[in-house]
């Protein structure tokens, strides 16, 4: 079965950087679009960034565009989220997601989820 394991979260100060990692197993990683979502306390889960199965197409929420970068290493079955210039409003649990259908350019609504990693940004 699909397993997604996030790592790299932590407590940082505003302006700092973090890199999240998501190690995937259970399916041929290179065939599936990947993404990151986040959920802040009292709020709904929201899309942060997505990357197509081949890695050429990336998409970002407006709130993180220019600060966050999603990437993937198909040889390591891992996707990353580089987060720069972090702000207190970036505080949330960050979830990795893998698309259910193959060869997606954008993430569908049918996703597998990781367990999440906490990112806390202090002011």
C-alpha atoms as a PDB file:
ATOM      1  CA  UNK A   1       0.000   0.000   0.000  1.00  0.00           C
ATOM      2  CA  UNK A   2       1.029   3.614  -0.402  1.00  0.00           C
ATOM      3  CA  UNK A   3       3.037   5.097   2.432  1.00  0.00           C
ATOM      4  CA  UNK A   4       4.072   8.737   2.623  1.00  0.00           C
ATOM      5  CA  UNK A   5       6.380   9.804   5.435  1.00  0.00           C
ATOM      6  CA  UNK A   6       7.073  13.494   5.962  1.00  0.00           C
ATOM      7  CA  UNK A   7      10.055  14.908   7.821  1.00  0.00           C
ATOM      8  CA  UNK A   8      11.837  18.206   8.322  1.00  0.00           C
ATOM      9  CA  UNK A   9       9.300  20.194  10.268  1.00  0.00           C
ATOM     10  CA  UNK A  10      10.193  22.199  13.331  1.00  0.00           C
ATOM     11  CA  UNK A  11      10.174  25.513  15.151  1.00  0.00           C
ATOM     12  CA  UNK A  12      11.843  28.425  13.379  1.00  0.00           C
ATOM     13  CA  UNK A  13      11.808  32.202  13.481  1.00  0.00           C
ATOM     14  CA  UNK A  14      10.233  34.466  10.906  1.00  0.00           C
ATOM     15  CA  UNK A  15      12.525  34.845   7.912  1.00  0.00           C
ATOM     16  CA  UNK A  16      14.150  31.452   8.378  1.00  0.00           C
ATOM     17  CA  UNK A  17      14.069  28.520   5.965  1.00  0.00           C
ATOM     18  CA  UNK A  18      13.048  24.878   6.250  1.00  0.00           C
ATOM     19  CA  UNK A  19      13.049  21.977   3.838  1.00  0.00           C
ATOM     20  CA  UNK A  20      10.384  19.334   4.166  1.00  0.00           C
ATOM     21  CA  UNK A  21      10.862  15.866   2.721  1.00  0.00           C
ATOM     22  CA  UNK A  22       8.316  13.209   1.837  1.00  0.00           C
ATOM     23  CA  UNK A  23       9.506   9.659   1.285  1.00  0.00           C
ATOM     24  CA  UNK A  24       7.039   7.572  -0.712  1.00  0.00           C
ATOM     25  CA  UNK A  25       6.695   3.822  -1.076  1.00  0.00           C
ATOM     26  CA  UNK A  26       4.204   1.291  -2.325  1.00  0.00           C
ATOM     27  CA  UNK A  27       3.931   2.371  -5.960  1.00  0.00           C
ATOM     28  CA  UNK A  28       6.231   3.475  -8.778  1.00  0.00           C
ATOM     29  CA  UNK A  29       6.932   6.966  -7.516  1.00  0.00           C
ATOM     30  CA  UNK A  30       7.836   8.499 -10.875  1.00  0.00           C
ATOM     31  CA  UNK A  31       4.368   7.812 -12.309  1.00  0.00           C
ATOM     32  CA  UNK A  32       2.443  10.104  -9.958  1.00  0.00           C
ATOM     33  CA  UNK A  33       2.036  13.793  -9.319  1.00  0.00           C
ATOM     34  CA  UNK A  34       2.923  14.879  -5.807  1.00  0.00           C
ATOM     35  CA  UNK A  35       1.912  17.786  -3.650  1.00  0.00           C
ATOM     36  CA  UNK A  36       1.990  19.542  -0.316  1.00  0.00           C
ATOM     37  CA  UNK A  37      -0.966  20.807   1.678  1.00  0.00           C
ATOM     38  CA  UNK A  38      -1.194  22.446   5.075  1.00  0.00           C
ATOM     39  CA  UNK A  39      -3.720  22.853   7.845  1.00  0.00           C
ATOM     40  CA  UNK A  40      -3.532  25.575  10.446  1.00  0.00           C
ATOM     41  CA  UNK A  41      -5.430  25.324  13.753  1.00  0.00           C
ATOM     42  CA  UNK A  42      -9.112  25.988  13.232  1.00  0.00           C
ATOM     43  CA  UNK A  43      -8.775  26.149   9.460  1.00  0.00           C
ATOM     44  CA  UNK A  44      -9.411  23.786   6.584  1.00  0.00           C
ATOM     45  CA  UNK A  45      -6.624  21.974   4.811  1.00  0.00           C
ATOM     46  CA  UNK A  46      -5.329  24.029   1.901  1.00  0.00           C
ATOM     47  CA  UNK A  47      -3.210  23.394  -1.162  1.00  0.00           C
ATOM     48  CA  UNK A  48       0.363  24.668  -1.010  1.00  0.00           C
ATOM     49  CA  UNK A  49       2.253  23.262  -3.990  1.00  0.00           C
ATOM     50  CA  UNK A  50       2.100  20.519  -6.602  1.00  0.00           C
ATOM     51  CA  UNK A  51       4.467  18.927  -9.068  1.00  0.00           C
ATOM     52  CA  UNK A  52       3.625  16.810 -12.088  1.00  0.00           C
ATOM     53  CA  UNK A  53       4.639  13.193 -12.462  1.00  0.00           C
ATOM     54  CA  UNK A  54       7.587  14.052 -14.673  1.00  0.00           C
ATOM     55  CA  UNK A  55       8.529  17.121 -12.647  1.00  0.00           C
ATOM     56  CA  UNK A  56       8.299  19.723 -15.403  1.00  0.00           C
ATOM     57  CA  UNK A  57       5.116  21.381 -14.142  1.00  0.00           C
ATOM     58  CA  UNK A  58       4.783  23.004 -10.735  1.00  0.00           C
ATOM     59  CA  UNK A  59       1.914  24.918  -9.169  1.00  0.00           C
ATOM     60  CA  UNK A  60       1.741  27.053  -6.048  1.00  0.00           C
ATOM     61  CA  UNK A  61      -0.787  28.763  -3.844  1.00  0.00           C
ATOM     62  CA  UNK A  62      -0.567  32.519  -4.209  1.00  0.00           C
ATOM     63  CA  UNK A  63       0.350  32.830  -0.546  1.00  0.00           C
ATOM     64  CA  UNK A  64       3.622  30.916  -1.022  1.00  0.00           C
ATOM     65  CA  UNK A  65       4.543  31.785  -4.602  1.00  0.00           C
ATOM     66  CA  UNK A  66       8.100  33.101  -4.776  1.00  0.00           C
ATOM     67  CA  UNK A  67       8.982  31.753  -1.310  1.00  0.00           C
ATOM     68  CA  UNK A  68       8.369  28.004  -1.542  1.00  0.00           C
ATOM     69  CA  UNK A  69       9.742  25.561  -4.097  1.00  0.00           C
ATOM     70  CA  UNK A  70       8.521  22.025  -4.684  1.00  0.00           C
ATOM     71  CA  UNK A  71      10.805  19.453  -6.267  1.00  0.00           C
ATOM     72  CA  UNK A  72      11.153  15.714  -6.637  1.00  0.00           C
ATOM     73  CA  UNK A  73      13.929  13.158  -6.881  1.00  0.00           C
ATOM     74  CA  UNK A  74      12.521  10.108  -8.586  1.00  0.00           C
ATOM     75  CA  UNK A  75      15.676   8.110  -7.886  1.00  0.00           C
ATOM     76  CA  UNK A  76      15.066   8.589  -4.149  1.00  0.00           C
ATOM     77  CA  UNK A  77      11.245   8.330  -4.276  1.00  0.00           C
ATOM     78  CA  UNK A  78      11.143  11.638  -2.464  1.00  0.00           C
ATOM     79  CA  UNK A  79       9.510  14.998  -2.917  1.00  0.00           C
ATOM     80  CA  UNK A  80      10.669  18.159  -1.190  1.00  0.00           C
ATOM     81  CA  UNK A  81       9.261  21.507  -0.182  1.00  0.00           C
ATOM     82  CA  UNK A  82      11.873  24.217   0.262  1.00  0.00           C
ATOM     83  CA  UNK A  83      10.358  27.001   2.340  1.00  0.00           C
ATOM     84  CA  UNK A  84      12.158  30.339   2.493  1.00  0.00           C
ATOM     85  CA  UNK A  85      11.273  33.652   4.125  1.00  0.00           C
ATOM     86  CA  UNK A  86       8.903  31.893   6.471  1.00  0.00           C
ATOM     87  CA  UNK A  87       6.143  33.910   8.104  1.00  0.00           C
ATOM     88  CA  UNK A  88       4.105  33.245  11.251  1.00  0.00           C
ATOM     89  CA  UNK A  89       1.065  32.643   9.026  1.00  0.00           C
ATOM     90  CA  UNK A  90       2.892  29.657   7.512  1.00  0.00           C
ATOM     91  CA  UNK A  91       2.470  27.865  10.839  1.00  0.00           C
ATOM     92  CA  UNK A  92       0.545  24.648  10.181  1.00  0.00           C
ATOM     93  CA  UNK A  93       0.740  20.917   9.902  1.00  0.00           C
ATOM     94  CA  UNK A  94       2.127  20.173   6.449  1.00  0.00           C
ATOM     95  CA  UNK A  95       0.901  17.082   4.628  1.00  0.00           C
ATOM     96  CA  UNK A  96       2.428  15.304   1.671  1.00  0.00           C
ATOM     97  CA  UNK A  97       0.029  13.952  -0.936  1.00  0.00           C
ATOM     98  CA  UNK A  98       0.351  11.558  -3.852  1.00  0.00           C
ATOM     99  CA  UNK A  99      -2.085  11.541  -6.726  1.00  0.00           C
ATOM    100  CA  UNK A 100      -4.146   8.407  -7.155  1.00  0.00           C
ATOM    101  CA  UNK A 101      -4.319   8.397 -10.977  1.00  0.00           C
ATOM    102  CA  UNK A 102      -1.169   7.998 -13.047  1.00  0.00           C
ATOM    103  CA  UNK A 103       0.651  10.631 -15.094  1.00  0.00           C
ATOM    104  CA  UNK A 104      -1.061  13.680 -13.657  1.00  0.00           C
ATOM    105  CA  UNK A 105       0.076  17.191 -14.510  1.00  0.00           C
ATOM    106  CA  UNK A 106      -2.052  18.701 -11.745  1.00  0.00           C
ATOM    107  CA  UNK A 107      -3.203  16.913  -8.608  1.00  0.00           C
ATOM    108  CA  UNK A 108      -6.651  15.406  -8.771  1.00  0.00           C
ATOM    109  CA  UNK A 109      -9.100  15.265  -5.877  1.00  0.00           C
ATOM    110  CA  UNK A 110      -8.205  11.625  -5.285  1.00  0.00           C
ATOM    111  CA  UNK A 111      -5.094  11.619  -3.119  1.00  0.00           C
ATOM    112  CA  UNK A 112      -3.103   9.506  -0.721  1.00  0.00           C
ATOM    113  CA  UNK A 113      -1.950  11.355   2.409  1.00  0.00           C
ATOM    114  CA  UNK A 114       0.965  11.322   4.778  1.00  0.00           C
ATOM    115  CA  UNK A 115       0.603  11.789   8.520  1.00  0.00           C
ATOM    116  CA  UNK A 116       1.849  15.379   8.514  1.00  0.00           C
ATOM    117  CA  UNK A 117       4.721  17.321  10.035  1.00  0.00           C
ATOM    118  CA  UNK A 118       4.383  20.409  12.202  1.00  0.00           C
ATOM    119  CA  UNK A 119       5.920  23.697  11.110  1.00  0.00           C
ATOM    120  CA  UNK A 120       5.829  26.531  13.617  1.00  0.00           C
ATOM    121  CA  UNK A 121       7.103  29.990  12.743  1.00  0.00           C
ATOM    122  CA  UNK A 122       7.577  32.431  15.607  1.00  0.00           C
ATOM    123  CA  UNK A 123       7.531  36.187  15.114  1.00  0.00           C
END
